[in-house]
N, C-alpha and C. Protein backbone atom coordinates (compact mmCIF):
# COMPACT_ATOMS: atom_id res chain seq x y z
N MET A 1 -18.73 -52.65 -44.94
CA MET A 1 -17.61 -52.17 -44.17
C MET A 1 -17.71 -50.66 -43.95
N ALA A 2 -18.14 -49.93 -44.99
CA ALA A 2 -18.24 -48.48 -44.89
C ALA A 2 -19.30 -48.07 -43.88
N LYS A 3 -20.41 -48.86 -43.80
CA LYS A 3 -21.47 -48.55 -42.85
C LYS A 3 -20.99 -48.76 -41.41
N VAL A 4 -20.21 -49.80 -41.19
CA VAL A 4 -19.67 -50.07 -39.85
C VAL A 4 -18.69 -48.97 -39.45
N LEU A 5 -17.84 -48.58 -40.39
CA LEU A 5 -16.87 -47.52 -40.12
C LEU A 5 -17.59 -46.20 -39.83
N ALA A 6 -18.65 -45.89 -40.57
CA ALA A 6 -19.42 -44.67 -40.34
C ALA A 6 -20.08 -44.71 -38.96
N LEU A 7 -20.61 -45.85 -38.56
CA LEU A 7 -21.24 -46.01 -37.24
C LEU A 7 -20.21 -45.82 -36.12
N ILE A 8 -19.02 -46.38 -36.30
CA ILE A 8 -17.96 -46.23 -35.30
C ILE A 8 -17.54 -44.76 -35.20
N MET A 9 -17.45 -44.07 -36.34
CA MET A 9 -17.08 -42.65 -36.34
C MET A 9 -18.13 -41.81 -35.61
N ILE A 10 -19.40 -42.10 -35.85
CA ILE A 10 -20.48 -41.35 -35.19
C ILE A 10 -20.43 -41.55 -33.68
N ILE A 11 -20.23 -42.78 -33.25
CA ILE A 11 -20.15 -43.08 -31.82
C ILE A 11 -18.93 -42.40 -31.20
N ALA A 12 -17.79 -42.46 -31.87
CA ALA A 12 -16.56 -41.85 -31.34
C ALA A 12 -16.70 -40.33 -31.25
N LEU A 13 -17.24 -39.71 -32.30
CA LEU A 13 -17.40 -38.26 -32.27
C LEU A 13 -18.44 -37.83 -31.24
N GLY A 14 -19.50 -38.60 -31.10
CA GLY A 14 -20.51 -38.28 -30.07
C GLY A 14 -19.92 -38.40 -28.67
N GLY A 15 -19.13 -39.43 -28.44
CA GLY A 15 -18.47 -39.58 -27.14
C GLY A 15 -17.48 -38.47 -26.88
N GLY A 16 -16.74 -38.07 -27.90
CA GLY A 16 -15.79 -36.96 -27.75
C GLY A 16 -16.51 -35.65 -27.45
N GLY A 17 -17.62 -35.42 -28.11
CA GLY A 17 -18.40 -34.20 -27.84
C GLY A 17 -18.97 -34.20 -26.44
N ALA A 18 -19.45 -35.35 -25.99
CA ALA A 18 -19.98 -35.44 -24.63
C ALA A 18 -18.87 -35.21 -23.60
N ALA A 19 -17.70 -35.77 -23.84
CA ALA A 19 -16.57 -35.58 -22.92
C ALA A 19 -16.15 -34.11 -22.90
N ALA A 20 -16.11 -33.47 -24.07
CA ALA A 20 -15.73 -32.05 -24.12
C ALA A 20 -16.76 -31.20 -23.39
N GLY A 21 -18.03 -31.50 -23.56
CA GLY A 21 -19.08 -30.77 -22.84
C GLY A 21 -18.97 -30.95 -21.34
N PHE A 22 -18.61 -32.14 -20.89
CA PHE A 22 -18.45 -32.41 -19.46
C PHE A 22 -17.26 -31.64 -18.90
N VAL A 23 -16.15 -31.63 -19.61
CA VAL A 23 -14.94 -30.96 -19.13
C VAL A 23 -15.10 -29.45 -19.17
N LEU A 24 -15.75 -28.90 -20.18
CA LEU A 24 -15.84 -27.46 -20.36
C LEU A 24 -17.12 -26.84 -19.80
N ARG A 25 -17.88 -27.57 -19.02
CA ARG A 25 -19.12 -27.03 -18.48
C ARG A 25 -18.81 -25.90 -17.50
N PRO A 26 -19.70 -24.91 -17.38
CA PRO A 26 -19.46 -23.80 -16.45
C PRO A 26 -19.59 -24.28 -15.01
N PRO A 27 -19.00 -23.54 -14.07
CA PRO A 27 -19.11 -23.94 -12.67
C PRO A 27 -20.56 -23.85 -12.21
N PRO A 28 -20.95 -24.66 -11.25
CA PRO A 28 -22.34 -24.65 -10.80
C PRO A 28 -22.69 -23.32 -10.12
N GLU A 29 -23.92 -22.90 -10.29
CA GLU A 29 -24.41 -21.68 -9.65
C GLU A 29 -24.62 -21.95 -8.17
N PRO A 30 -24.35 -20.96 -7.30
CA PRO A 30 -24.63 -21.17 -5.89
C PRO A 30 -26.13 -21.24 -5.67
N ALA A 31 -26.53 -21.89 -4.59
CA ALA A 31 -27.95 -22.03 -4.30
C ALA A 31 -28.61 -20.66 -4.14
N ASP A 32 -27.92 -19.72 -3.51
CA ASP A 32 -28.44 -18.38 -3.31
C ASP A 32 -27.35 -17.38 -3.66
N PRO A 33 -27.42 -16.71 -4.83
CA PRO A 33 -26.35 -15.78 -5.22
C PRO A 33 -26.13 -14.66 -4.20
N GLU A 34 -27.17 -14.26 -3.48
CA GLU A 34 -27.02 -13.20 -2.48
C GLU A 34 -26.19 -13.68 -1.30
N ALA A 35 -26.16 -14.98 -1.04
CA ALA A 35 -25.38 -15.52 0.07
C ALA A 35 -23.89 -15.41 -0.20
N ALA A 36 -23.49 -15.33 -1.47
CA ALA A 36 -22.07 -15.25 -1.82
C ALA A 36 -21.51 -13.85 -1.60
N VAL A 37 -22.36 -12.84 -1.43
CA VAL A 37 -21.90 -11.46 -1.24
C VAL A 37 -21.68 -11.22 0.25
N PRO A 38 -20.43 -10.93 0.66
CA PRO A 38 -20.16 -10.73 2.08
C PRO A 38 -20.67 -9.38 2.58
N GLU A 39 -20.91 -9.31 3.87
CA GLU A 39 -21.32 -8.06 4.51
C GLU A 39 -20.10 -7.16 4.68
N ILE A 40 -20.29 -5.87 4.53
CA ILE A 40 -19.22 -4.90 4.69
C ILE A 40 -19.52 -4.05 5.91
N ALA A 41 -18.51 -3.84 6.74
CA ALA A 41 -18.69 -3.03 7.94
C ALA A 41 -19.11 -1.62 7.56
N GLU A 42 -19.99 -1.03 8.36
CA GLU A 42 -20.50 0.30 8.05
C GLU A 42 -19.96 1.35 9.00
N ASP A 43 -18.90 1.09 9.73
CA ASP A 43 -18.28 2.05 10.62
C ASP A 43 -17.43 3.00 9.78
N LEU A 44 -17.99 4.17 9.46
CA LEU A 44 -17.33 5.08 8.54
C LEU A 44 -16.10 5.76 9.13
N ASP A 45 -15.88 5.66 10.45
CA ASP A 45 -14.69 6.24 11.06
C ASP A 45 -13.44 5.46 10.70
N SER A 46 -13.58 4.23 10.28
CA SER A 46 -12.42 3.39 10.02
C SER A 46 -12.33 2.98 8.55
N VAL A 47 -12.66 3.89 7.66
CA VAL A 47 -12.59 3.62 6.23
C VAL A 47 -11.49 4.48 5.62
N ALA A 48 -10.65 3.85 4.80
CA ALA A 48 -9.58 4.58 4.12
C ALA A 48 -9.53 4.12 2.67
N THR A 49 -9.41 5.07 1.76
CA THR A 49 -9.24 4.75 0.34
C THR A 49 -7.75 4.77 0.03
N LEU A 50 -7.27 3.75 -0.64
CA LEU A 50 -5.86 3.70 -1.00
C LEU A 50 -5.60 4.75 -2.08
N ARG A 51 -4.44 5.39 -2.00
CA ARG A 51 -4.13 6.55 -2.84
C ARG A 51 -4.30 6.32 -4.32
N ASP A 52 -3.60 5.36 -4.86
CA ASP A 52 -3.59 5.12 -6.30
C ASP A 52 -4.34 3.85 -6.63
N GLY A 53 -4.73 3.74 -7.90
CA GLY A 53 -5.42 2.55 -8.36
C GLY A 53 -4.46 1.39 -8.59
N PHE A 54 -5.03 0.24 -8.87
CA PHE A 54 -4.27 -0.97 -9.17
C PHE A 54 -4.55 -1.34 -10.62
N ILE A 55 -3.51 -1.69 -11.36
CA ILE A 55 -3.66 -2.12 -12.75
C ILE A 55 -3.15 -3.54 -12.86
N VAL A 56 -4.04 -4.44 -13.28
CA VAL A 56 -3.71 -5.86 -13.37
C VAL A 56 -3.77 -6.30 -14.83
N PRO A 57 -2.65 -6.76 -15.40
CA PRO A 57 -2.71 -7.27 -16.78
C PRO A 57 -3.39 -8.63 -16.81
N VAL A 58 -4.22 -8.84 -17.82
CA VAL A 58 -4.89 -10.12 -18.03
C VAL A 58 -4.24 -10.75 -19.25
N LEU A 59 -3.64 -11.92 -19.07
CA LEU A 59 -2.88 -12.57 -20.13
C LEU A 59 -3.68 -13.67 -20.81
N ARG A 60 -3.46 -13.80 -22.11
CA ARG A 60 -3.98 -14.93 -22.89
C ARG A 60 -2.86 -15.37 -23.81
N ASP A 61 -2.53 -16.63 -23.76
CA ASP A 61 -1.46 -17.20 -24.59
C ASP A 61 -0.15 -16.44 -24.41
N GLY A 62 0.13 -16.01 -23.19
CA GLY A 62 1.38 -15.33 -22.89
C GLY A 62 1.45 -13.88 -23.32
N ARG A 63 0.35 -13.33 -23.81
CA ARG A 63 0.33 -11.93 -24.25
C ARG A 63 -0.74 -11.18 -23.47
N VAL A 64 -0.54 -9.89 -23.30
CA VAL A 64 -1.51 -9.07 -22.58
C VAL A 64 -2.76 -8.93 -23.44
N TRP A 65 -3.89 -9.39 -22.91
CA TRP A 65 -5.17 -9.36 -23.61
C TRP A 65 -5.98 -8.13 -23.19
N SER A 66 -5.91 -7.80 -21.91
CA SER A 66 -6.62 -6.63 -21.39
C SER A 66 -6.00 -6.24 -20.06
N HIS A 67 -6.53 -5.16 -19.49
CA HIS A 67 -6.11 -4.71 -18.16
C HIS A 67 -7.35 -4.52 -17.31
N VAL A 68 -7.23 -4.83 -16.03
CA VAL A 68 -8.29 -4.53 -15.08
C VAL A 68 -7.76 -3.42 -14.18
N VAL A 69 -8.53 -2.35 -14.08
CA VAL A 69 -8.15 -1.20 -13.28
C VAL A 69 -9.09 -1.15 -12.08
N LEU A 70 -8.51 -1.14 -10.88
CA LEU A 70 -9.31 -1.14 -9.65
C LEU A 70 -8.89 0.01 -8.74
N ARG A 71 -9.86 0.55 -8.01
CA ARG A 71 -9.59 1.46 -6.90
C ARG A 71 -10.14 0.76 -5.67
N LEU A 72 -9.30 0.64 -4.65
CA LEU A 72 -9.67 -0.12 -3.46
C LEU A 72 -9.63 0.77 -2.23
N GLY A 73 -10.41 0.36 -1.25
CA GLY A 73 -10.40 1.00 0.06
C GLY A 73 -10.35 -0.08 1.13
N VAL A 74 -10.20 0.35 2.37
CA VAL A 74 -10.12 -0.58 3.50
C VAL A 74 -11.11 -0.13 4.56
N SER A 75 -11.88 -1.07 5.09
CA SER A 75 -12.78 -0.83 6.20
C SER A 75 -12.34 -1.70 7.36
N SER A 76 -12.30 -1.12 8.56
CA SER A 76 -11.85 -1.87 9.72
C SER A 76 -12.48 -1.32 10.98
N ASP A 77 -12.78 -2.21 11.92
CA ASP A 77 -13.29 -1.78 13.23
C ASP A 77 -12.16 -1.50 14.21
N ARG A 78 -10.97 -2.05 13.96
CA ARG A 78 -9.86 -1.93 14.91
C ARG A 78 -8.75 -1.01 14.45
N SER A 79 -8.47 -0.95 13.16
CA SER A 79 -7.37 -0.13 12.65
C SER A 79 -7.89 1.24 12.24
N ALA A 80 -7.23 2.29 12.69
CA ALA A 80 -7.62 3.65 12.33
C ALA A 80 -7.12 3.98 10.92
N SER A 81 -7.73 5.00 10.32
CA SER A 81 -7.36 5.39 8.96
C SER A 81 -5.88 5.75 8.84
N ASP A 82 -5.32 6.41 9.86
CA ASP A 82 -3.91 6.77 9.79
C ASP A 82 -2.99 5.56 9.88
N GLN A 83 -3.41 4.52 10.61
CA GLN A 83 -2.63 3.28 10.66
C GLN A 83 -2.65 2.58 9.30
N ILE A 84 -3.81 2.61 8.66
CA ILE A 84 -3.94 2.00 7.33
C ILE A 84 -3.06 2.76 6.34
N ALA A 85 -3.10 4.10 6.39
CA ALA A 85 -2.29 4.91 5.48
C ALA A 85 -0.80 4.68 5.71
N GLN A 86 -0.40 4.49 6.96
CA GLN A 86 1.01 4.26 7.28
C GLN A 86 1.50 2.93 6.71
N LYS A 87 0.62 1.93 6.67
CA LYS A 87 1.00 0.61 6.17
C LYS A 87 0.65 0.42 4.70
N GLU A 88 0.29 1.48 4.00
CA GLU A 88 -0.15 1.35 2.61
C GLU A 88 0.85 0.65 1.70
N PRO A 89 2.16 0.94 1.75
CA PRO A 89 3.08 0.22 0.86
C PRO A 89 3.06 -1.30 1.08
N VAL A 90 2.99 -1.72 2.33
CA VAL A 90 2.94 -3.15 2.64
C VAL A 90 1.61 -3.74 2.16
N LEU A 91 0.53 -3.00 2.34
CA LEU A 91 -0.78 -3.46 1.88
C LEU A 91 -0.82 -3.56 0.36
N ARG A 92 -0.29 -2.55 -0.33
CA ARG A 92 -0.28 -2.56 -1.80
C ARG A 92 0.49 -3.75 -2.34
N ASP A 93 1.62 -4.08 -1.70
CA ASP A 93 2.41 -5.23 -2.12
C ASP A 93 1.58 -6.51 -2.06
N GLY A 94 0.93 -6.74 -0.94
CA GLY A 94 0.11 -7.95 -0.78
C GLY A 94 -1.11 -7.95 -1.68
N LEU A 95 -1.76 -6.79 -1.81
CA LEU A 95 -2.94 -6.70 -2.67
C LEU A 95 -2.58 -6.93 -4.13
N ASN A 96 -1.44 -6.37 -4.58
CA ASN A 96 -0.99 -6.62 -5.96
C ASN A 96 -0.76 -8.11 -6.19
N GLU A 97 -0.10 -8.76 -5.24
CA GLU A 97 0.16 -10.20 -5.37
C GLU A 97 -1.15 -10.97 -5.47
N ALA A 98 -2.13 -10.64 -4.63
CA ALA A 98 -3.42 -11.33 -4.65
C ALA A 98 -4.17 -11.04 -5.95
N LEU A 99 -4.10 -9.81 -6.45
CA LEU A 99 -4.78 -9.47 -7.70
C LEU A 99 -4.15 -10.19 -8.89
N PHE A 100 -2.81 -10.27 -8.92
CA PHE A 100 -2.14 -10.99 -10.00
C PHE A 100 -2.50 -12.48 -9.96
N LEU A 101 -2.55 -13.06 -8.77
CA LEU A 101 -2.94 -14.46 -8.63
C LEU A 101 -4.36 -14.66 -9.14
N HIS A 102 -5.27 -13.78 -8.73
CA HIS A 102 -6.66 -13.87 -9.17
C HIS A 102 -6.75 -13.79 -10.70
N GLY A 103 -5.98 -12.88 -11.29
CA GLY A 103 -5.97 -12.75 -12.76
C GLY A 103 -5.40 -13.97 -13.44
N ASN A 104 -4.31 -14.53 -12.90
CA ASN A 104 -3.68 -15.71 -13.49
C ASN A 104 -4.57 -16.94 -13.40
N LEU A 105 -5.44 -16.99 -12.40
CA LEU A 105 -6.36 -18.12 -12.25
C LEU A 105 -7.65 -17.92 -13.05
N GLY A 106 -7.71 -16.87 -13.87
CA GLY A 106 -8.88 -16.65 -14.72
C GLY A 106 -9.98 -15.86 -14.05
N GLY A 107 -9.70 -15.23 -12.93
CA GLY A 107 -10.72 -14.50 -12.20
C GLY A 107 -11.25 -13.27 -12.91
N PHE A 108 -10.47 -12.73 -13.86
CA PHE A 108 -10.92 -11.54 -14.59
C PHE A 108 -11.36 -11.88 -16.01
N ASP A 109 -11.53 -13.16 -16.33
CA ASP A 109 -12.04 -13.58 -17.64
C ASP A 109 -13.56 -13.65 -17.59
N GLY A 110 -14.18 -13.52 -18.73
CA GLY A 110 -15.63 -13.69 -18.83
C GLY A 110 -16.38 -12.69 -17.97
N ASP A 111 -17.43 -13.16 -17.30
CA ASP A 111 -18.26 -12.32 -16.44
C ASP A 111 -17.59 -12.21 -15.08
N PHE A 112 -16.60 -11.34 -14.99
CA PHE A 112 -15.79 -11.26 -13.77
C PHE A 112 -16.48 -10.51 -12.64
N THR A 113 -17.67 -9.95 -12.89
CA THR A 113 -18.38 -9.24 -11.83
C THR A 113 -19.55 -10.05 -11.27
N ASP A 114 -19.67 -11.33 -11.64
CA ASP A 114 -20.75 -12.13 -11.06
C ASP A 114 -20.48 -12.33 -9.56
N PRO A 115 -21.51 -12.58 -8.77
CA PRO A 115 -21.35 -12.65 -7.31
C PRO A 115 -20.31 -13.67 -6.84
N VAL A 116 -20.23 -14.81 -7.50
CA VAL A 116 -19.28 -15.84 -7.07
C VAL A 116 -17.84 -15.38 -7.30
N SER A 117 -17.56 -14.82 -8.46
CA SER A 117 -16.22 -14.34 -8.77
C SER A 117 -15.84 -13.18 -7.85
N MET A 118 -16.77 -12.28 -7.60
CA MET A 118 -16.50 -11.15 -6.70
C MET A 118 -16.25 -11.63 -5.28
N ALA A 119 -16.98 -12.65 -4.84
CA ALA A 119 -16.77 -13.19 -3.49
C ALA A 119 -15.38 -13.81 -3.38
N ARG A 120 -14.94 -14.52 -4.44
CA ARG A 120 -13.59 -15.09 -4.44
C ARG A 120 -12.53 -14.00 -4.35
N LEU A 121 -12.72 -12.93 -5.13
CA LEU A 121 -11.77 -11.82 -5.12
C LEU A 121 -11.74 -11.15 -3.75
N ARG A 122 -12.91 -10.88 -3.19
CA ARG A 122 -12.97 -10.25 -1.86
C ARG A 122 -12.31 -11.13 -0.80
N THR A 123 -12.52 -12.43 -0.87
CA THR A 123 -11.92 -13.34 0.11
C THR A 123 -10.40 -13.27 0.04
N ARG A 124 -9.85 -13.27 -1.18
CA ARG A 124 -8.38 -13.17 -1.33
C ARG A 124 -7.86 -11.85 -0.78
N LEU A 125 -8.53 -10.76 -1.13
CA LEU A 125 -8.06 -9.45 -0.71
C LEU A 125 -8.25 -9.24 0.80
N ASP A 126 -9.37 -9.73 1.34
CA ASP A 126 -9.59 -9.63 2.79
C ASP A 126 -8.51 -10.37 3.56
N ALA A 127 -8.11 -11.55 3.07
CA ALA A 127 -7.08 -12.33 3.76
C ALA A 127 -5.76 -11.55 3.82
N VAL A 128 -5.42 -10.86 2.74
CA VAL A 128 -4.19 -10.05 2.72
C VAL A 128 -4.29 -8.93 3.75
N LEU A 129 -5.41 -8.21 3.75
CA LEU A 129 -5.57 -7.09 4.68
C LEU A 129 -5.53 -7.56 6.13
N GLN A 130 -6.23 -8.65 6.42
CA GLN A 130 -6.27 -9.14 7.79
C GLN A 130 -4.90 -9.60 8.25
N ASP A 131 -4.12 -10.19 7.35
CA ASP A 131 -2.78 -10.64 7.70
C ASP A 131 -1.83 -9.46 7.88
N ARG A 132 -1.82 -8.54 6.93
CA ARG A 132 -0.86 -7.43 6.97
C ARG A 132 -1.19 -6.38 8.04
N LEU A 133 -2.47 -6.23 8.38
CA LEU A 133 -2.85 -5.27 9.43
C LEU A 133 -2.96 -5.94 10.80
N SER A 134 -2.86 -7.27 10.84
CA SER A 134 -3.09 -8.04 12.08
C SER A 134 -4.44 -7.65 12.68
N ASP A 135 -5.45 -7.60 11.82
CA ASP A 135 -6.78 -7.13 12.20
C ASP A 135 -7.83 -8.02 11.53
N PRO A 136 -8.48 -8.90 12.30
CA PRO A 136 -9.47 -9.80 11.70
C PRO A 136 -10.73 -9.10 11.20
N THR A 137 -10.92 -7.82 11.54
CA THR A 137 -12.11 -7.11 11.08
C THR A 137 -11.88 -6.34 9.79
N ALA A 138 -10.65 -6.32 9.28
CA ALA A 138 -10.34 -5.56 8.06
C ALA A 138 -11.01 -6.20 6.84
N LYS A 139 -11.64 -5.37 6.04
CA LYS A 139 -12.32 -5.81 4.82
C LYS A 139 -11.95 -4.87 3.68
N VAL A 140 -11.90 -5.42 2.48
CA VAL A 140 -11.61 -4.60 1.30
C VAL A 140 -12.91 -3.96 0.81
N LEU A 141 -12.77 -2.75 0.31
CA LEU A 141 -13.88 -2.06 -0.34
C LEU A 141 -13.47 -1.87 -1.80
N ILE A 142 -14.23 -2.43 -2.71
CA ILE A 142 -13.94 -2.26 -4.14
C ILE A 142 -14.68 -1.00 -4.58
N VAL A 143 -13.95 0.10 -4.68
CA VAL A 143 -14.53 1.40 -5.00
C VAL A 143 -14.93 1.45 -6.47
N SER A 144 -14.05 0.98 -7.35
CA SER A 144 -14.38 0.90 -8.78
C SER A 144 -13.54 -0.19 -9.42
N MET A 145 -14.07 -0.74 -10.52
CA MET A 145 -13.36 -1.81 -11.23
C MET A 145 -13.81 -1.77 -12.68
N ALA A 146 -12.84 -1.80 -13.59
CA ALA A 146 -13.15 -1.80 -15.02
C ALA A 146 -12.12 -2.63 -15.76
N ARG A 147 -12.57 -3.31 -16.82
CA ARG A 147 -11.64 -4.06 -17.68
C ARG A 147 -11.52 -3.32 -19.00
N GLN A 148 -10.28 -3.09 -19.42
CA GLN A 148 -10.01 -2.36 -20.65
C GLN A 148 -9.27 -3.28 -21.61
N SER A 149 -9.77 -3.41 -22.82
CA SER A 149 -9.12 -4.27 -23.82
C SER A 149 -7.83 -3.63 -24.30
N GLY A 150 -6.90 -4.54 -24.68
CA GLY A 150 -5.65 -4.07 -25.26
C GLY A 150 -4.68 -3.77 -24.24
């Protein structure tokens, strides 16, 4: 009886380990990591850096685990720098919302600078800029980004 029980335990634990490995596996790598990096417009006449940085708290178990500090800019073929500066409060509101969403979805956990994670972040931020500026050519420029513990 003890041998049968031991065999059942081994099978159950092996199945549980396999299921845990399946559920917790990392996301698949893209076929070409360079393809995940979007092109940035190089028209330097339409580039504006936002005045202040963005600070995003990263939560774990309901407590602040770290902070991500970002400095962002905007590149656009249609909107002039002064138009971007005039709409900065509206842009900051939307960008903060997108950054908090990205953080809550785990975007700043682990290797947050890998090409896939950065492409996801850029896509979210670009959508905000394009919507708030009514400019489909608007793109975010990530000037600097750092994660600080505590």
